Protein backbone atom coordinates (compact mmCIF):
# COMPACT_ATOMS: atom_id res chain seq x y z
CA UNK A 1 33.94 85.69 65.94
CA UNK A 2 36.93 84.91 63.85
CA UNK A 3 35.67 81.37 63.14
CA UNK A 4 32.43 82.68 61.60
CA UNK A 5 34.34 85.10 59.41
CA UNK A 6 36.57 82.30 58.01
CA UNK A 7 33.61 80.07 57.23
CA UNK A 8 31.73 82.78 55.32
CA UNK A 9 34.88 83.59 53.31
CA UNK A 10 35.37 79.90 52.45
CA UNK A 11 31.82 79.66 51.06
CA UNK A 12 32.16 82.80 48.95
CA UNK A 13 35.31 81.53 47.17
CA UNK A 14 33.77 79.00 44.71
CA UNK A 15 30.70 77.46 43.08
CA UNK A 16 28.97 74.34 44.21
CA UNK A 17 28.80 71.35 41.99
CA UNK A 18 25.07 71.85 41.52
CA UNK A 19 25.57 75.42 40.29
CA UNK A 20 28.17 74.26 37.73
CA UNK A 21 25.83 71.51 36.47
CA UNK A 22 22.93 73.96 36.08
CA UNK A 23 25.12 76.35 34.03
CA UNK A 24 26.36 73.49 31.83
CA UNK A 25 22.78 72.34 31.25
CA UNK A 26 21.73 75.85 30.23
CA UNK A 27 24.70 76.13 27.84
CA UNK A 28 23.83 72.76 26.30
CA UNK A 29 20.16 73.71 25.73
CA UNK A 30 21.08 77.09 24.21
CA UNK A 31 23.69 75.44 21.90
CA UNK A 32 21.17 72.82 20.70
CA UNK A 33 18.60 75.51 20.02
CA UNK A 34 21.11 77.51 17.95
CA UNK A 35 22.18 74.46 15.94
CA UNK A 36 18.57 73.59 15.15
CA UNK A 37 17.63 77.14 14.22
CA UNK A 38 20.67 77.44 11.91
CA UNK A 39 19.85 74.07 10.35
CA UNK A 40 23.40 72.80 10.81
CA UNK A 41 22.17 69.32 11.58
CA UNK A 42 22.09 68.26 7.95
CA UNK A 43 18.30 68.22 7.73
CA UNK A 44 16.31 70.54 5.52
CA UNK A 45 12.54 70.07 6.14
CA UNK A 46 11.35 72.32 3.32
CA UNK A 47 13.65 70.53 0.81
CA UNK A 48 12.50 67.07 1.97
CA UNK A 49 8.84 68.13 1.93
CA UNK A 50 9.10 69.55 -1.60
CA UNK A 51 10.78 66.40 -2.84
CA UNK A 52 8.25 64.06 -1.17
CA UNK A 53 5.38 66.14 -2.56
CA UNK A 54 6.69 66.03 -6.13
CA UNK A 55 7.37 62.31 -5.85
CA UNK A 56 3.84 61.60 -4.53
CA UNK A 57 2.28 63.80 -7.26
CA UNK A 58 4.28 61.97 -9.93
CA UNK A 59 3.05 58.60 -8.66
CA UNK A 60 -0.50 59.92 -8.49
CA UNK A 61 -0.28 61.33 -12.07
CA UNK A 62 1.13 58.07 -13.36
CA UNK A 63 -1.87 56.21 -11.86
CA UNK A 64 -4.28 58.75 -13.35
CA UNK A 65 -2.64 58.48 -16.77
CA UNK A 66 -3.19 54.69 -16.78
CA UNK A 67 -6.72 54.87 -15.38
CA UNK A 68 -7.88 57.59 -17.77
CA UNK A 69 -5.65 56.48 -20.75
CA UNK A 70 -4.46 60.05 -21.10
CA UNK A 71 -0.96 61.49 -21.57
CA UNK A 72 0.19 63.87 -18.86
CA UNK A 73 3.34 65.90 -18.56
CA UNK A 74 5.21 68.15 -16.16
CA UNK A 75 6.40 71.67 -17.08
CA UNK A 76 9.29 72.72 -14.87
CA UNK A 77 10.35 76.28 -14.11
CA UNK A 78 13.41 77.23 -12.00
CA UNK A 79 11.32 77.37 -8.84
CA UNK A 80 8.04 75.68 -9.63
CA UNK A 81 6.20 73.13 -11.77
CA UNK A 82 2.87 72.51 -13.36
CA UNK A 83 1.12 69.35 -14.52
CA UNK A 84 -0.41 69.43 -18.01
CA UNK A 85 -2.53 67.00 -20.00
CA UNK A 86 -2.62 66.43 -23.76
CA UNK A 87 -5.96 67.32 -25.34
CA UNK A 88 -6.42 65.01 -28.32
CA UNK A 89 -9.40 66.97 -29.66
CA UNK A 90 -7.62 70.33 -29.69
CA UNK A 91 -4.15 68.85 -30.35
CA UNK A 92 -2.55 70.99 -27.55
CA UNK A 93 -1.18 70.67 -24.04
CA UNK A 94 -3.32 72.37 -21.44
CA UNK A 95 -3.15 72.96 -17.72
CA UNK A 96 -4.93 70.31 -15.61
CA UNK A 97 -7.96 72.20 -14.30
CA UNK A 98 -10.20 69.28 -13.33
CA UNK A 99 -7.91 67.97 -10.54
CA UNK A 100 -6.83 70.41 -7.82
CA UNK A 101 -4.04 68.04 -6.67
CA UNK A 102 -2.27 68.72 -9.96
CA UNK A 103 -2.46 72.54 -9.70
CA UNK A 104 0.55 74.76 -10.41
CA UNK A 105 3.06 74.63 -7.54
CA UNK A 106 5.90 76.87 -6.38
CA UNK A 107 8.93 75.69 -4.42
CA UNK A 108 9.63 77.21 -1.00
CA UNK A 109 11.98 80.19 -0.95
CA UNK A 110 15.62 79.29 -1.56
CA UNK A 111 14.88 76.05 -3.48
CA UNK A 112 15.28 75.54 -7.22
CA UNK A 113 15.25 72.77 -9.84
CA UNK A 114 17.87 71.19 -12.06
CA UNK A 115 16.45 68.97 -14.75
CA UNK A 116 18.08 66.40 -17.03
CA UNK A 117 15.98 64.79 -19.75
CA UNK A 118 17.40 62.05 -21.97
CA UNK A 119 20.85 62.66 -20.49
CA UNK A 120 20.78 66.37 -21.46
CA UNK A 121 20.73 69.29 -19.04
CA UNK A 122 17.62 71.41 -19.62
CA UNK A 123 17.72 75.19 -19.16
CA UNK A 124 14.62 76.16 -17.22
CA UNK A 125 13.06 79.52 -18.03
CA UNK A 126 10.87 81.49 -15.66
CA UNK A 127 7.99 82.62 -17.84
CA UNK A 128 4.99 83.89 -15.98
CA UNK A 129 2.71 83.05 -18.89
CA UNK A 130 4.46 80.65 -21.20
CA UNK A 131 3.28 80.59 -24.84
CA UNK A 132 3.45 76.82 -24.89
CA UNK A 133 2.75 74.35 -22.13
CA UNK A 134 4.88 71.63 -23.78
CA UNK A 135 6.18 69.48 -20.93
CA UNK A 136 9.82 68.47 -20.40
CA UNK A 137 8.78 65.21 -18.60
CA UNK A 138 6.08 63.01 -20.15
CA UNK A 139 3.87 60.54 -18.31
CA UNK A 140 2.31 58.31 -20.95
CA UNK A 141 -1.08 56.61 -20.77
CA UNK A 142 0.55 53.16 -20.42
CA UNK A 143 2.47 54.33 -17.27
CA UNK A 144 5.82 54.83 -19.06
CA UNK A 145 7.80 58.00 -18.47
CA UNK A 146 10.32 59.90 -20.46
CA UNK A 147 13.89 59.50 -19.18
CA UNK A 148 14.50 62.20 -16.51
CA UNK A 149 16.44 63.26 -13.41
CA UNK A 150 14.98 66.06 -11.34
CA UNK A 151 17.13 67.62 -8.63
CA UNK A 152 15.66 69.94 -6.04
CA UNK A 153 18.43 71.96 -4.46
CA UNK A 154 19.22 74.61 -1.94
CA UNK A 155 22.35 76.11 -3.43
CA UNK A 156 23.10 78.34 -0.47
CA UNK A 157 23.43 75.29 1.82
CA UNK A 158 24.78 72.85 -0.82
CA UNK A 159 21.92 70.40 -0.24
CA UNK A 160 19.96 68.56 -2.90
CA UNK A 161 17.58 65.65 -3.38
CA UNK A 162 17.23 63.88 -6.74
CA UNK A 163 14.12 62.12 -8.08
CA UNK A 164 15.00 59.60 -10.77
CA UNK A 165 13.80 56.41 -12.41
CA UNK A 166 15.17 53.05 -11.28
CA UNK A 167 16.06 50.45 -13.85
CA UNK A 168 12.70 48.73 -13.40
CA UNK A 169 10.86 51.98 -14.18
CA UNK A 170 9.90 53.01 -10.63
CA UNK A 171 10.10 56.66 -9.69
CA UNK A 172 12.50 56.87 -6.71
CA UNK A 173 13.86 59.55 -4.39
CA UNK A 174 17.56 59.37 -3.68
CA UNK A 175 18.96 60.38 -0.27
CA UNK A 176 19.84 64.03 0.37
CA UNK A 177 23.28 65.02 -0.80
CA UNK A 178 25.23 67.64 1.11
CA UNK A 179 28.09 69.01 -0.95
CA UNK A 180 31.24 70.14 0.77
CA UNK A 181 30.99 67.62 3.63
């Protein structure tokens, strides 16, 4: 009887290797889930999506300007933008109503714009109904653009993506910048 008692005590003293591995695996999975949910991996899907969308719309608008021989522009607000077209007959800028792809857009929550035009920082105002739709960035009918640098940023996380012109006139997206790292 004493032999059985010693064996049962020996088994109760520690964990098996399999139990330790299972616990470590669970801890690893939970840690990975927390890191992904807190977005500590350096990725910011809403920021990347907003940047890619603006870049694609700028390329699209540039093509439309050349095809239609019309001058387009972009009006930026702190957390949104709108494409406009110049009406030669009425001598005014107006919202693009005939192309739903160029409708007014709002950035996802937490994102905002910084805009530099002709090497000058532009102060963006948040008017719900602006008196004038004069654009800050011009897309001319020959495909040329005014000199600009648009930065979409998430200030709370110190992340930003800049859309700029290369020296050969192409609109390019620069890699995401994470400040403080």
